[in-house]
Amino acid sequence: MQGRRLRAGQAISPEEFDALSDEQLERLVPRAYREDFPGKDACADGCFYLHDGTAWSFYKGGFLDE
């Protein structure tokens, strides 16, 4: 992922997920949902759940149900 600029909604691979820090991963989450990001350690299978039950996936770069 070196040299690639991190942008909200950008899909990443599982290897990239492992290599990125919490701060870097947070930049991939749309601003409206960043406060819900629990940190990398709480992301099972590269996703985390919002308060409404939807799941944001780093591997998809969006919601799982889209």
Protein backbone atom coordinates (compact mmCIF):
# COMPACT_ATOMS: atom_id res chain seq x y z
CA MET A 1 0.00 0.00 0.00
CA GLN A 2 3.06 2.16 0.03
CA GLY A 3 2.64 5.23 -2.16
CA ARG A 4 -1.13 4.84 -2.38
CA ARG A 5 -3.15 7.64 -0.85
CA LEU A 6 -5.76 6.49 1.64
CA ARG A 7 -9.26 7.69 0.79
CA ALA A 8 -12.62 7.09 2.43
CA GLY A 9 -14.46 4.22 0.79
CA GLN A 10 -11.30 2.68 -0.65
CA ALA A 11 -11.29 -1.14 -0.63
CA ILE A 12 -8.16 -2.82 0.70
CA SER A 13 -6.87 -6.39 0.85
CA PRO A 14 -6.58 -8.43 4.07
CA GLU A 15 -2.79 -7.99 3.87
CA GLU A 16 -3.15 -4.21 3.65
CA PHE A 17 -5.59 -4.29 6.59
CA ASP A 18 -2.98 -6.11 8.70
CA ALA A 19 -0.27 -3.61 7.75
CA LEU A 20 -2.24 -0.42 8.47
CA SER A 21 -2.54 1.31 11.85
CA ASP A 22 -5.81 2.31 13.50
CA GLU A 23 -5.29 5.90 12.33
CA GLN A 24 -4.72 4.83 8.73
CA LEU A 25 -7.75 2.55 8.76
CA GLU A 26 -9.91 5.29 10.24
CA ARG A 27 -9.18 7.43 7.16
CA LEU A 28 -10.79 4.75 4.99
CA VAL A 29 -14.09 5.05 6.86
CA PRO A 30 -16.48 7.78 5.63
CA ARG A 31 -16.43 10.75 7.99
CA ALA A 32 -20.04 10.17 9.11
CA TYR A 33 -19.07 6.76 10.57
CA ARG A 34 -15.57 7.39 11.91
CA GLU A 35 -16.73 7.86 15.50
CA ASP A 36 -18.14 4.31 15.34
CA PHE A 37 -14.80 2.76 14.32
CA PRO A 38 -13.78 0.64 17.33
CA GLY A 39 -10.15 0.14 16.31
CA LYS A 40 -8.46 -2.57 14.31
CA ASP A 41 -8.49 -5.17 17.11
CA ALA A 42 -12.31 -5.09 17.24
CA CYS A 43 -12.78 -5.63 13.49
CA ALA A 44 -13.69 -9.26 12.86
CA ASP A 45 -12.99 -10.27 9.26
CA GLY A 46 -12.11 -6.70 8.30
CA CYS A 47 -15.44 -5.16 9.25
CA PHE A 48 -17.13 -3.45 12.16
CA TYR A 49 -20.76 -2.85 13.09
CA LEU A 50 -22.49 0.50 13.41
CA HIS A 51 -25.16 1.22 16.02
CA ASP A 52 -27.94 0.46 13.52
CA GLY A 53 -26.60 -3.05 12.88
CA THR A 54 -25.07 -2.40 9.46
CA ALA A 55 -21.49 -3.51 8.91
CA TRP A 56 -18.72 -1.50 7.24
CA SER A 57 -16.18 -3.67 5.38
CA PHE A 58 -12.64 -2.51 4.69
CA TYR A 59 -12.28 -5.29 2.10
CA LYS A 60 -15.31 -4.09 0.16
CA GLY A 61 -14.82 -0.38 0.83
CA GLY A 62 -18.48 -0.08 1.78
CA PHE A 63 -21.35 -1.66 3.64
CA LEU A 64 -21.67 -5.44 3.50
CA ASP A 65 -25.31 -5.30 2.39
CA GLU A 66 -24.68 -2.98 -0.61
